[in-house]
Amino acid sequence: MDSLARHSIWRTIAIAIVPYLVWRLLKRSRGKDPLADIPGPAPDNWLTGSFMKIFPMDSGGWEYHDGLVREYGKTFKFKGLMGADVLYTYDERAVYHIVLKDQHSWEETREFVRTNGRIFGIGLFSTMGEHHRRQRKLLNPVFSAAHIRDLTPTFYSVTQRFTGSLAQLVSEGEKEIDLLPWLTRTALELVAQSGFGYSFDTLEPDAREHPFAKTLKNLLCVDPGLVAARNLIFPYVYNLGTPRFQRAVVNALPWKKLHELRDMVDLTHKTSLEILEATRRAVGNGGNKEERIAGGKDIMTFMANMEASQEDRLPEDELIALISTMIFAAMDTTSNALSRLLVVLAQNPEVQDKLREEVVQSGEGLDYDTITGLPYLDAICRETLRLYSPIPFVFREAGEANMVLPLLNPITTTDGRKLQNLVVPKHTVVLIQITQQNKDPDVWGPDATEWKPERWLSPLPLSVADARVPGIYSNILTFFGGSRSCIGFKFAQLEMKIVLSELIRNFRFTPGDKEIIWQLMPIVTPTTQDAKLTPAGVKTLRLPLNVKCIR
């Protein structure tokens, strides 16, 4: 590309950034900020504020968050990037208003929507308002319990391929296995087969990783360069001019990480399009859907049949976005939830033995109602999802000027005033701390921070119902709530229960020699203290446990 074109590109980028800086200056000149006297930690500097401590991307962040809560209570303020005010809350009343009562005035942040739109397309992660509600309305039937129950045999089929390979690895006796790659591969194959009638992985011990699987993992990578390219540059470049010009800008910028991200997005779109075309060949032109993986009961085939009889159907670009979004959302969250389940069971052998007894006595190849109705299995899953949410926090943005956010727990301002309501300026971002609310002693009692599956086998404290937690599942926020709750939470529940029950039926798990630590990231991830560092300087993800075959 010639120098004139490069100059034009850099000039365009500067034009895109300067208005934001001017807006920040004008905002500061308009008078006193209504959040100015809200207490909170002092920023480290003007550029990153407290961002690097709030989101440390390592295992040290948990203690820091606990310390903030002890010092400032359930609601406080911290400085984000470039001095932006961010509210931090898990106040019951505030969360209820944001997630449920006033949910249409509290949407995903513009950065979240913009970034996901450029990576995945026009899907559930990147639409808002009426557009988002229309998409969910069309998708709700395919994620209902009535349809998910038909996928139970497919879940067992994939899981048994996993357990068969694991049995090969420990055929000569107990062995330490890094289970995280196996859980991730299994989660991807489950969503591929039951979601799209597609297969990425034979789940054999020596099978090569599918390029798409690697791409999805890299999209969640905490490599600082990739994070910056993904969140700070990529979405803004793709707001400039025509698609051809946007691609020229990305190609011209001398940044390897940006080019890596571009290639990931291209492969994601290409693979999703291949899946969609395979589905259409199966349902149309005389294709036999019964010969497909999952016997034609996968979600995409179900949707293809729906769209043939509905005028208000999803256009092709939104179907492609649905595929990539669903695979991305289902792969790492569920595999990390299963990781935590295996660790707590390895640490609590008596609970593991009791669960194994329930699973073995219930028989094999259980139907949907039986596997979802096993009481101890259900209690273990609920308690683990309560105390160890795979997603520790979510963000929302005020969509209207000077919104009133009521608090159950008043805060004391830096000048000594008591506030029961906060006035929140438009575009202010609020961090909802899921982990803190899920373990709040005011809601769950004095043993809230303890892992006790038995709490679900008897009536919960009245304080749980009184808290009016707006979660879609079990009075917790793990699957969130309102119109942006996890649409696939029944799918995730079935996956966790089938995979966990088959693993416990066939194997005994005990802690390995290395302590597993949990890194505070957008999706909580396991590793060990001595894990090797990636070229970007972050720990590789690991889940080493001792595994012994007992059948």
Protein backbone atom coordinates (compact mmCIF):
# COMPACT_ATOMS: atom_id res chain seq x y z
CA MET A 1 0.00 0.00 0.00
CA ASP A 2 1.45 3.41 -0.95
CA SER A 3 2.34 6.11 1.58
CA LEU A 4 -0.65 8.28 0.65
CA ALA A 5 -3.08 5.49 1.49
CA ARG A 6 -1.28 4.77 4.77
CA HIS A 7 -1.44 8.45 5.69
CA SER A 8 -5.18 8.45 4.97
CA ILE A 9 -5.72 5.44 7.22
CA TRP A 10 -3.80 6.92 10.15
CA ARG A 11 -5.62 10.21 9.72
CA THR A 12 -8.98 8.40 9.81
CA ILE A 13 -8.03 6.59 13.01
CA ALA A 14 -6.99 9.87 14.61
CA ILE A 15 -10.31 11.43 13.60
CA ALA A 16 -12.10 8.51 15.28
CA ILE A 17 -10.18 8.85 18.56
CA VAL A 18 -10.04 12.63 19.00
CA PRO A 19 -13.83 13.11 19.47
CA TYR A 20 -13.76 10.70 22.39
CA LEU A 21 -11.02 12.68 24.12
CA VAL A 22 -12.89 15.94 23.49
CA TRP A 23 -16.10 14.38 24.90
CA ARG A 24 -14.24 13.37 28.06
CA LEU A 25 -12.97 16.93 28.54
CA LEU A 26 -16.40 18.45 27.93
CA LYS A 27 -17.98 16.03 30.38
CA ARG A 28 -15.58 17.13 33.10
CA SER A 29 -16.34 20.82 32.41
CA ARG A 30 -20.12 20.55 32.82
CA GLY A 31 -20.17 20.77 36.59
CA LYS A 32 -20.04 18.37 39.47
CA ASP A 33 -20.39 14.71 38.64
CA PRO A 34 -23.24 13.11 40.70
CA LEU A 35 -20.89 10.19 41.39
CA ALA A 36 -18.02 12.40 42.54
CA ASP A 37 -18.54 11.71 46.26
CA ILE A 38 -19.09 7.97 45.98
CA PRO A 39 -16.25 6.25 47.88
CA GLY A 40 -13.90 3.75 46.32
CA PRO A 41 -10.24 2.84 45.81
CA ALA A 42 -7.82 5.49 44.59
CA PRO A 43 -6.74 5.01 40.96
CA ASP A 44 -3.21 3.89 40.19
CA ASN A 45 -2.88 6.42 37.37
CA TRP A 46 -4.99 8.48 34.96
CA LEU A 47 -4.69 6.01 32.09
CA THR A 48 -5.73 2.68 33.63
CA GLY A 49 -7.31 3.87 36.89
CA SER A 50 -7.88 0.83 39.12
CA PHE A 51 -8.50 -1.39 36.11
CA MET A 52 -5.42 -3.59 36.49
CA LYS A 53 -6.23 -4.38 40.14
CA ILE A 54 -9.93 -4.99 39.61
CA PHE A 55 -9.17 -7.25 36.62
CA PRO A 56 -5.73 -8.67 37.41
CA MET A 57 -6.04 -11.74 35.16
CA ASP A 58 -4.42 -13.91 37.84
CA SER A 59 -5.27 -15.70 41.09
CA GLY A 60 -4.55 -12.70 43.32
CA GLY A 61 -7.67 -10.76 42.41
CA TRP A 62 -10.03 -12.70 44.68
CA GLU A 63 -8.45 -11.36 47.88
CA TYR A 64 -8.38 -7.83 46.46
CA HIS A 65 -12.12 -7.94 45.71
CA ASP A 66 -12.88 -9.33 49.16
CA GLY A 67 -10.86 -6.50 50.67
CA LEU A 68 -12.74 -3.87 48.65
CA VAL A 69 -16.06 -5.25 49.85
CA ARG A 70 -14.91 -5.23 53.47
CA GLU A 71 -13.77 -1.61 53.16
CA TYR A 72 -16.48 -0.05 50.98
CA GLY A 73 -19.50 -2.35 51.26
CA LYS A 74 -21.74 -3.62 48.49
CA THR A 75 -21.64 -0.51 46.31
CA PHE A 76 -18.71 1.76 45.50
CA LYS A 77 -16.95 3.44 42.61
CA PHE A 78 -13.63 2.86 40.91
CA LYS A 79 -11.83 4.52 38.03
CA GLY A 80 -11.67 2.62 34.78
CA LEU A 81 -9.69 3.31 31.64
CA MET A 82 -8.93 6.99 31.00
CA GLY A 83 -10.57 8.05 34.24
CA ALA A 84 -14.08 6.80 33.48
CA ASP A 85 -16.28 6.22 36.54
CA VAL A 86 -17.39 2.60 37.00
CA LEU A 87 -19.90 1.60 39.67
CA TYR A 88 -19.30 -1.71 41.44
CA THR A 89 -22.31 -3.32 43.10
CA TYR A 90 -23.95 -6.48 44.31
CA ASP A 91 -26.56 -4.64 46.37
CA GLU A 92 -29.73 -6.74 46.15
CA ARG A 93 -32.07 -3.88 45.26
CA ALA A 94 -29.71 -2.27 42.77
CA VAL A 95 -29.11 -5.58 41.00
CA TYR A 96 -32.86 -6.32 40.90
CA HIS A 97 -33.53 -2.98 39.18
CA ILE A 98 -30.66 -3.32 36.69
CA VAL A 99 -31.27 -6.95 35.75
CA LEU A 100 -35.07 -7.12 35.88
CA LYS A 101 -37.23 -4.13 36.80
CA ASP A 102 -35.48 -1.51 34.64
CA GLN A 103 -33.60 -3.92 32.41
CA HIS A 104 -34.41 -2.16 29.13
CA SER A 105 -32.66 0.96 30.42
CA TRP A 106 -29.59 -1.05 31.43
CA GLU A 107 -28.14 -2.74 28.36
CA GLU A 108 -24.84 -4.37 27.51
CA THR A 109 -22.04 -1.83 27.18
CA ARG A 110 -21.49 -0.31 23.78
CA GLU A 111 -17.94 -1.71 23.72
CA PHE A 112 -19.21 -5.24 24.40
CA VAL A 113 -21.81 -5.04 21.64
CA ARG A 114 -19.41 -3.46 19.17
CA THR A 115 -16.61 -5.94 19.80
CA ASN A 116 -18.81 -9.03 19.58
CA GLY A 117 -20.56 -7.70 16.51
CA ARG A 118 -17.25 -7.45 14.69
CA ILE A 119 -16.07 -10.88 15.84
CA PHE A 120 -19.21 -13.04 15.71
CA GLY A 121 -21.67 -11.05 13.62
CA ILE A 122 -25.22 -9.96 14.41
CA GLY A 123 -26.03 -12.46 17.16
CA LEU A 124 -27.26 -12.50 20.73
CA PHE A 125 -24.02 -10.95 21.99
CA SER A 126 -24.24 -7.98 19.66
CA THR A 127 -27.89 -6.95 19.44
CA MET A 128 -29.92 -4.82 21.81
CA GLY A 129 -33.49 -3.70 22.36
CA GLU A 130 -36.20 -4.97 20.04
CA HIS A 131 -33.70 -6.68 17.75
CA HIS A 132 -32.37 -8.77 20.62
CA ARG A 133 -35.87 -9.60 21.86
CA ARG A 134 -36.90 -10.78 18.38
CA GLN A 135 -33.88 -13.07 18.14
CA ARG A 136 -34.54 -14.60 21.55
CA LYS A 137 -38.22 -15.12 20.76
CA LEU A 138 -37.27 -17.15 17.68
CA LEU A 139 -34.60 -19.11 19.54
CA ASN A 140 -36.49 -19.89 22.76
CA PRO A 141 -38.24 -23.02 21.38
CA VAL A 142 -34.95 -24.70 20.43
CA PHE A 143 -33.53 -24.20 23.93
CA SER A 144 -36.64 -25.36 25.76
CA ALA A 145 -36.61 -28.44 28.00
CA ALA A 146 -38.99 -30.13 25.54
CA HIS A 147 -36.36 -29.98 22.80
CA ILE A 148 -33.24 -30.41 24.96
CA ARG A 149 -34.57 -33.73 26.30
CA ASP A 150 -34.39 -35.16 22.74
CA LEU A 151 -30.64 -34.51 22.74
CA THR A 152 -29.95 -36.71 25.78
CA PRO A 153 -28.75 -39.74 23.73
CA THR A 154 -26.31 -37.52 21.83
CA PHE A 155 -24.92 -36.15 25.09
CA TYR A 156 -24.31 -39.71 26.32
CA SER A 157 -22.74 -40.78 23.03
CA VAL A 158 -20.17 -37.97 23.06
CA THR A 159 -19.46 -38.32 26.78
CA GLN A 160 -18.82 -42.05 26.48
CA ARG A 161 -16.26 -41.41 23.74
CA PHE A 162 -14.48 -39.13 26.21
CA THR A 163 -14.62 -41.63 29.09
CA GLY A 164 -13.43 -44.39 26.76
CA SER A 165 -10.33 -42.41 25.82
CA LEU A 166 -9.70 -41.46 29.44
CA ALA A 167 -9.88 -45.14 30.39
CA GLN A 168 -7.16 -45.87 27.81
CA LEU A 169 -4.90 -43.23 29.36
CA VAL A 170 -5.16 -44.77 32.86
CA SER A 171 -5.39 -48.43 31.82
CA GLU A 172 -2.15 -49.26 33.65
CA GLY A 173 -3.20 -47.67 36.93
CA GLU A 174 -3.75 -44.30 38.56
CA LYS A 175 -2.18 -41.44 36.67
CA GLU A 176 -2.09 -37.65 36.84
CA ILE A 177 -3.98 -36.23 33.86
CA ASP A 178 -4.42 -32.63 32.78
CA LEU A 179 -8.18 -32.80 32.37
CA LEU A 180 -8.81 -29.28 31.07
CA PRO A 181 -8.03 -30.00 27.40
CA TRP A 182 -10.29 -33.07 27.59
CA LEU A 183 -13.17 -31.15 29.14
CA THR A 184 -12.81 -28.38 26.57
CA ARG A 185 -12.71 -30.84 23.66
CA THR A 186 -15.76 -32.66 25.02
CA ALA A 187 -17.71 -29.43 25.51
CA LEU A 188 -16.94 -28.35 21.94
CA GLU A 189 -17.96 -31.71 20.51
CA LEU A 190 -21.18 -31.73 22.55
CA VAL A 191 -22.27 -28.34 21.26
CA ALA A 192 -21.17 -29.24 17.72
CA GLN A 193 -23.15 -32.49 17.57
CA SER A 194 -26.24 -31.55 19.57
CA GLY A 195 -26.26 -27.95 18.39
CA PHE A 196 -25.43 -28.34 14.72
CA GLY A 197 -25.26 -32.02 13.76
CA TYR A 198 -21.55 -31.49 13.14
CA SER A 199 -18.33 -33.02 14.46
CA PHE A 200 -14.97 -31.39 15.17
CA ASP A 201 -13.25 -34.13 17.16
CA THR A 202 -13.15 -37.92 17.41
CA LEU A 203 -12.10 -37.49 21.07
CA GLU A 204 -9.37 -40.08 20.54
CA PRO A 205 -6.22 -39.61 22.66
CA ASP A 206 -4.04 -38.81 19.64
CA ALA A 207 -6.59 -36.75 17.67
CA ARG A 208 -5.32 -33.42 16.34
CA GLU A 209 -6.96 -30.23 17.55
CA HIS A 210 -9.39 -28.74 15.04
CA PRO A 211 -8.25 -25.25 13.89
CA PHE A 212 -11.63 -23.82 14.87
CA ALA A 213 -11.22 -25.10 18.44
CA LYS A 214 -7.85 -23.37 18.69
CA THR A 215 -9.34 -20.16 17.32
CA LEU A 216 -12.15 -20.15 19.89
CA LYS A 217 -9.68 -20.64 22.75
CA ASN A 218 -7.47 -17.84 21.42
CA LEU A 219 -10.42 -15.46 21.28
CA LEU A 220 -10.58 -15.76 25.07
CA CYS A 221 -6.83 -15.51 25.43
CA VAL A 222 -5.49 -13.05 28.02
CA ASP A 223 -2.47 -12.16 25.89
CA PRO A 224 -2.34 -8.38 26.53
CA GLY A 225 -1.64 -7.63 22.88
CA LEU A 226 -4.57 -9.71 21.70
CA VAL A 227 -6.87 -8.22 24.34
CA ALA A 228 -5.95 -4.71 23.20
CA ALA A 229 -6.48 -5.62 19.56
CA ARG A 230 -9.81 -7.30 20.34
CA ASN A 231 -11.32 -4.68 22.65
CA LEU A 232 -9.65 -1.36 21.87
CA ILE A 233 -8.80 -1.35 18.16
CA PHE A 234 -10.74 -3.98 16.22
CA PRO A 235 -14.31 -2.76 16.89
CA TYR A 236 -13.46 0.87 16.18
CA VAL A 237 -11.64 0.19 12.92
CA TYR A 238 -14.70 -1.69 11.70
CA ASN A 239 -16.81 1.45 12.11
CA LEU A 240 -14.80 3.26 9.46
CA GLY A 241 -16.10 3.51 5.91
CA THR A 242 -16.87 0.52 3.71
CA PRO A 243 -15.97 -3.12 4.48
CA ARG A 244 -13.24 -2.93 1.85
CA PHE A 245 -11.73 0.13 3.50
CA GLN A 246 -12.01 -1.46 6.94
CA ARG A 247 -10.08 -4.51 5.75
CA ALA A 248 -7.46 -2.25 4.18
CA VAL A 249 -7.00 -0.46 7.51
CA VAL A 250 -6.53 -3.73 9.40
CA ASN A 251 -4.12 -5.06 6.77
CA ALA A 252 -2.10 -1.83 6.78
CA LEU A 253 -1.66 -1.46 10.51
CA PRO A 254 1.76 -2.90 11.44
CA TRP A 255 0.47 -4.99 14.35
CA LYS A 256 0.85 -8.76 14.36
CA LYS A 257 -1.81 -9.33 17.06
CA LEU A 258 -4.39 -7.40 15.05
CA HIS A 259 -3.66 -9.57 12.02
CA GLU A 260 -3.96 -12.71 14.14
CA LEU A 261 -7.36 -11.52 15.33
CA ARG A 262 -8.42 -10.79 11.75
CA ASP A 263 -7.53 -14.36 10.75
CA MET A 264 -9.44 -15.79 13.73
CA VAL A 265 -12.55 -13.85 12.76
CA ASP A 266 -12.23 -15.03 9.16
CA LEU A 267 -11.94 -18.69 10.23
CA THR A 268 -14.87 -18.33 12.65
CA HIS A 269 -17.10 -16.98 9.87
CA LYS A 270 -15.89 -19.61 7.37
CA THR A 271 -16.53 -22.53 9.74
CA SER A 272 -19.95 -21.23 10.79
CA LEU A 273 -20.95 -20.84 7.14
CA GLU A 274 -19.84 -24.43 6.42
CA ILE A 275 -22.03 -25.69 9.29
CA LEU A 276 -25.03 -23.72 8.03
CA GLU A 277 -24.60 -24.99 4.47
CA ALA A 278 -24.27 -28.60 5.69
CA THR A 279 -27.54 -28.21 7.57
CA ARG A 280 -29.33 -26.81 4.54
CA ARG A 281 -28.10 -29.67 2.38
CA ALA A 282 -29.46 -32.13 4.93
CA VAL A 283 -32.92 -30.57 5.23
CA GLY A 284 -33.39 -29.50 1.64
CA ASN A 285 -32.81 -31.01 -1.78
CA GLY A 286 -33.91 -34.45 -0.63
CA GLY A 287 -31.30 -34.68 2.14
CA ASN A 288 -32.05 -37.22 4.85
CA LYS A 289 -31.87 -35.42 8.16
CA GLU A 290 -32.23 -38.71 10.07
CA GLU A 291 -28.77 -39.71 8.80
CA ARG A 292 -27.20 -36.64 10.35
CA ILE A 293 -25.35 -36.67 13.64
CA ALA A 294 -27.92 -36.47 16.46
CA GLY A 295 -30.52 -37.97 14.13
CA GLY A 296 -31.67 -34.62 12.84
CA LYS A 297 -32.65 -33.46 16.33
CA ASP A 298 -29.82 -30.95 16.64
CA ILE A 299 -30.70 -27.32 17.23
CA MET A 300 -29.69 -26.08 13.77
CA THR A 301 -31.78 -28.70 11.93
CA PHE A 302 -34.70 -27.86 14.20
CA MET A 303 -34.28 -24.19 13.32
CA ALA A 304 -33.96 -24.92 9.61
CA ASN A 305 -37.33 -26.65 9.73
CA MET A 306 -38.77 -23.73 11.70
CA GLU A 307 -37.53 -21.10 9.27
CA ALA A 308 -39.13 -22.87 6.33
CA SER A 309 -42.55 -22.24 7.84
CA GLN A 310 -42.10 -18.80 9.39
CA GLU A 311 -42.04 -15.43 7.73
CA ASP A 312 -40.24 -13.80 10.62
CA ARG A 313 -37.12 -15.94 10.34
CA LEU A 314 -33.50 -15.16 11.03
CA PRO A 315 -31.56 -13.95 7.96
CA GLU A 316 -28.44 -15.83 6.93
CA ASP A 317 -25.97 -13.45 8.56
CA GLU A 318 -27.77 -13.82 11.89
CA LEU A 319 -27.82 -17.62 11.59
CA ILE A 320 -24.07 -17.58 10.99
CA ALA A 321 -23.64 -15.35 14.03
CA LEU A 322 -25.81 -17.71 16.10
CA ILE A 323 -23.53 -20.64 15.29
CA SER A 324 -20.28 -18.92 16.25
CA THR A 325 -21.83 -17.26 19.31
CA MET A 326 -23.35 -20.48 20.63
CA ILE A 327 -20.16 -22.50 20.21
CA PHE A 328 -18.07 -19.79 21.84
CA ALA A 329 -20.48 -19.35 24.76
CA ALA A 330 -20.92 -23.07 25.41
CA MET A 331 -17.33 -24.26 25.17
CA ASP A 332 -15.30 -22.56 27.88
CA THR A 333 -18.00 -21.72 30.44
CA THR A 334 -19.25 -25.30 30.76
CA SER A 335 -15.80 -26.89 30.64
CA ASN A 336 -14.65 -24.57 33.43
CA ALA A 337 -17.76 -25.35 35.50
CA LEU A 338 -16.97 -29.05 35.10
CA SER A 339 -13.35 -28.34 36.05
CA ARG A 340 -14.48 -26.84 39.33
CA LEU A 341 -16.88 -29.73 39.98
CA LEU A 342 -14.10 -32.28 39.58
CA VAL A 343 -11.74 -30.32 41.83
CA VAL A 344 -14.21 -29.95 44.71
CA LEU A 345 -15.15 -33.63 44.44
CA ALA A 346 -11.47 -34.61 44.47
CA GLN A 347 -11.07 -32.50 47.61
CA ASN A 348 -14.17 -34.04 49.23
CA PRO A 349 -13.88 -37.82 48.73
CA GLU A 350 -16.86 -38.63 50.96
CA VAL A 351 -19.10 -36.47 48.76
CA GLN A 352 -17.63 -38.08 45.66
CA ASP A 353 -18.37 -41.56 47.02
CA LYS A 354 -21.94 -40.62 47.93
CA LEU A 355 -22.52 -39.19 44.45
CA ARG A 356 -21.05 -42.30 42.84
CA GLU A 357 -23.43 -44.46 44.86
CA GLU A 358 -26.42 -42.43 43.65
CA VAL A 359 -25.26 -42.54 40.02
CA VAL A 360 -24.50 -46.28 39.98
CA GLN A 361 -27.78 -47.20 41.67
CA SER A 362 -29.76 -45.15 39.15
CA GLY A 363 -28.57 -47.31 36.23
CA GLU A 364 -26.97 -46.46 32.90
CA GLY A 365 -28.07 -44.49 29.85
CA LEU A 366 -30.61 -42.50 31.85
CA ASP A 367 -33.38 -40.53 30.22
CA TYR A 368 -33.68 -36.76 30.61
CA ASP A 369 -36.09 -36.79 33.54
CA THR A 370 -34.04 -39.31 35.53
CA ILE A 371 -30.62 -37.69 35.08
CA THR A 372 -31.92 -34.19 35.79
CA GLY A 373 -33.87 -35.46 38.80
CA LEU A 374 -31.05 -37.16 40.73
CA PRO A 375 -31.18 -35.15 43.99
CA TYR A 376 -27.56 -35.35 45.14
CA LEU A 377 -26.15 -34.74 41.66
CA ASP A 378 -28.46 -31.74 41.36
CA ALA A 379 -27.42 -30.40 44.78
CA ILE A 380 -23.72 -30.68 43.95
CA CYS A 381 -24.17 -28.87 40.64
CA ARG A 382 -26.27 -26.09 42.19
CA GLU A 383 -23.88 -25.51 45.07
CA THR A 384 -20.83 -25.44 42.82
CA LEU A 385 -22.48 -23.02 40.41
CA ARG A 386 -23.51 -20.85 43.37
CA LEU A 387 -20.14 -20.59 45.05
CA TYR A 388 -17.94 -20.80 41.95
CA SER A 389 -19.65 -19.03 39.07
CA PRO A 390 -17.58 -19.49 35.87
CA ILE A 391 -18.39 -15.86 35.00
CA PRO A 392 -17.51 -13.65 38.00
CA PHE A 393 -19.03 -10.38 36.84
CA VAL A 394 -21.02 -8.70 34.07
CA PHE A 395 -21.27 -5.10 32.96
CA ARG A 396 -24.26 -2.94 32.20
CA GLU A 397 -24.48 0.62 30.90
CA ALA A 398 -26.96 3.32 31.86
CA GLY A 399 -29.06 4.01 28.77
CA GLU A 400 -30.76 7.17 30.01
CA ALA A 401 -29.64 10.43 31.59
CA ASN A 402 -29.59 10.70 35.39
CA MET A 403 -31.09 7.32 36.12
CA VAL A 404 -32.05 6.67 39.74
CA LEU A 405 -30.58 3.46 41.12
CA PRO A 406 -32.14 2.48 44.50
CA LEU A 407 -30.04 0.71 47.12
CA LEU A 408 -31.06 -1.70 49.86
CA ASN A 409 -27.85 -0.93 51.72
CA PRO A 410 -27.26 2.85 51.92
CA ILE A 411 -23.76 4.15 51.30
CA THR A 412 -21.93 6.97 53.05
CA THR A 413 -20.38 9.50 50.68
CA THR A 414 -16.91 10.94 51.13
CA ASP A 415 -18.50 14.10 52.58
CA GLY A 416 -20.57 12.16 55.13
CA ARG A 417 -24.00 11.99 53.46
CA LYS A 418 -26.12 8.82 53.53
CA LEU A 419 -27.49 7.82 50.12
CA GLN A 420 -30.36 5.38 49.56
CA ASN A 421 -30.51 6.23 45.85
CA LEU A 422 -27.78 6.97 43.34
CA VAL A 423 -28.17 9.33 40.39
CA VAL A 424 -26.32 7.65 37.53
CA PRO A 425 -25.29 9.66 34.43
CA LYS A 426 -26.00 8.25 30.98
CA HIS A 427 -23.37 5.80 29.66
CA THR A 428 -22.01 5.08 33.15
CA VAL A 429 -20.88 1.47 33.32
CA VAL A 430 -21.89 -0.71 36.28
CA LEU A 431 -20.02 -3.87 37.26
CA ILE A 432 -22.38 -6.45 38.80
CA GLN A 433 -20.29 -8.75 40.99
CA ILE A 434 -21.87 -12.18 40.54
CA THR A 435 -19.43 -14.03 42.79
CA GLN A 436 -20.01 -11.69 45.72
CA GLN A 437 -23.79 -11.78 45.45
CA ASN A 438 -23.85 -15.58 45.14
CA LYS A 439 -21.97 -15.89 48.44
CA ASP A 440 -23.55 -12.95 50.29
CA PRO A 441 -24.12 -13.92 53.98
CA ASP A 442 -27.10 -11.53 54.10
CA VAL A 443 -28.79 -13.79 51.56
CA TRP A 444 -27.36 -17.26 52.21
CA GLY A 445 -26.59 -17.13 55.91
CA PRO A 446 -23.35 -17.31 57.93
CA ASP A 447 -22.11 -20.39 56.02
CA ALA A 448 -22.49 -18.65 52.63
CA THR A 449 -18.81 -18.99 51.75
CA GLU A 450 -18.73 -22.74 52.48
CA TRP A 451 -19.32 -25.43 49.86
CA LYS A 452 -22.28 -27.40 51.24
CA PRO A 453 -24.33 -29.37 48.69
CA GLU A 454 -26.68 -30.46 51.48
CA ARG A 455 -28.12 -26.93 51.70
CA TRP A 456 -30.13 -27.74 48.54
CA LEU A 457 -31.66 -30.89 50.05
CA SER A 458 -33.72 -28.94 52.58
CA PRO A 459 -35.66 -25.66 52.46
CA LEU A 460 -33.45 -22.63 51.85
CA PRO A 461 -33.39 -19.75 54.37
CA LEU A 462 -36.24 -17.25 54.04
CA SER A 463 -33.62 -14.59 53.35
CA VAL A 464 -32.99 -16.18 49.94
CA ALA A 465 -36.55 -15.56 48.77
CA ASP A 466 -36.63 -12.15 50.46
CA ALA A 467 -33.54 -11.03 48.54
CA ARG A 468 -35.45 -11.29 45.22
CA VAL A 469 -32.31 -12.25 43.34
CA PRO A 470 -33.28 -11.82 39.66
CA GLY A 471 -31.36 -14.88 38.45
CA ILE A 472 -33.03 -17.28 36.04
CA TYR A 473 -31.68 -20.27 38.01
CA SER A 474 -31.83 -21.20 41.70
CA ASN A 475 -31.80 -17.68 43.20
CA ILE A 476 -28.27 -17.09 41.94
CA LEU A 477 -26.84 -14.94 39.15
CA THR A 478 -24.59 -17.55 37.55
CA PHE A 479 -26.80 -17.75 34.43
CA PHE A 480 -27.81 -14.11 34.97
CA GLY A 481 -31.45 -13.02 34.55
CA GLY A 482 -33.91 -10.87 32.67
CA SER A 483 -33.94 -10.61 28.90
CA ARG A 484 -30.20 -11.26 28.66
CA SER A 485 -30.07 -14.38 30.81
CA CYS A 486 -28.21 -17.38 29.41
CA ILE A 487 -30.59 -18.80 26.80
CA GLY A 488 -28.79 -22.15 26.89
CA PHE A 489 -28.78 -22.74 30.64
CA LYS A 490 -30.87 -25.95 30.38
CA PHE A 491 -28.44 -27.21 27.73
CA ALA A 492 -25.52 -26.44 30.08
CA GLN A 493 -27.21 -28.14 33.04
CA LEU A 494 -27.80 -31.34 31.09
CA GLU A 495 -24.23 -31.33 29.81
CA MET A 496 -22.77 -30.90 33.28
CA LYS A 497 -24.91 -33.64 34.80
CA ILE A 498 -24.28 -36.23 32.10
CA VAL A 499 -20.53 -35.61 31.83
CA LEU A 500 -20.04 -35.49 35.61
CA SER A 501 -22.16 -38.57 36.30
CA GLU A 502 -20.32 -40.65 33.67
CA LEU A 503 -16.92 -39.55 34.96
CA ILE A 504 -17.81 -40.34 38.57
CA ARG A 505 -19.34 -43.68 37.52
CA ASN A 506 -16.10 -44.79 35.86
CA PHE A 507 -13.27 -43.02 37.68
CA ARG A 508 -12.06 -41.85 41.06
CA PHE A 509 -10.49 -38.40 41.24
CA THR A 510 -7.99 -37.23 43.86
CA PRO A 511 -5.83 -34.08 44.09
CA GLY A 512 -2.50 -34.17 42.28
CA ASP A 513 0.85 -32.99 43.61
CA LYS A 514 0.33 -29.42 42.41
CA GLU A 515 -2.23 -27.06 43.91
CA ILE A 516 -4.79 -25.80 41.42
CA ILE A 517 -5.35 -22.05 41.51
CA TRP A 518 -8.18 -20.14 39.88
CA GLN A 519 -7.46 -17.02 37.85
CA LEU A 520 -9.88 -14.09 37.99
CA MET A 521 -10.69 -13.48 34.34
CA PRO A 522 -13.87 -12.85 32.31
CA ILE A 523 -14.24 -16.64 32.53
CA VAL A 524 -12.56 -18.10 35.62
CA THR A 525 -9.77 -20.48 34.58
CA PRO A 526 -7.64 -23.09 36.39
CA THR A 527 -3.87 -23.35 36.38
CA THR A 528 -1.02 -24.18 38.78
CA GLN A 529 1.54 -21.95 40.44
CA ASP A 530 4.39 -23.49 38.43
CA ALA A 531 2.57 -23.53 35.09
CA LYS A 532 4.67 -22.54 32.12
CA LEU A 533 4.27 -19.04 30.78
CA THR A 534 3.07 -18.31 27.27
CA PRO A 535 5.18 -16.01 25.04
CA ALA A 536 2.88 -13.20 26.25
CA GLY A 537 3.87 -13.89 29.87
CA VAL A 538 0.61 -15.42 31.14
CA LYS A 539 0.23 -18.85 32.73
CA THR A 540 -0.88 -21.76 30.58
CA LEU A 541 -4.18 -23.26 31.70
CA ARG A 542 -4.00 -26.62 33.50
CA LEU A 543 -6.17 -28.97 35.57
CA PRO A 544 -3.95 -31.81 36.83
CA LEU A 545 -5.82 -34.42 38.88
CA ASN A 546 -5.05 -38.03 39.74
CA VAL A 547 -7.42 -40.32 37.84
CA LYS A 548 -8.05 -44.00 38.59
CA CYS A 549 -10.36 -46.25 36.59
CA ILE A 550 -12.74 -48.15 38.87
CA ARG A 551 -14.70 -50.16 36.29
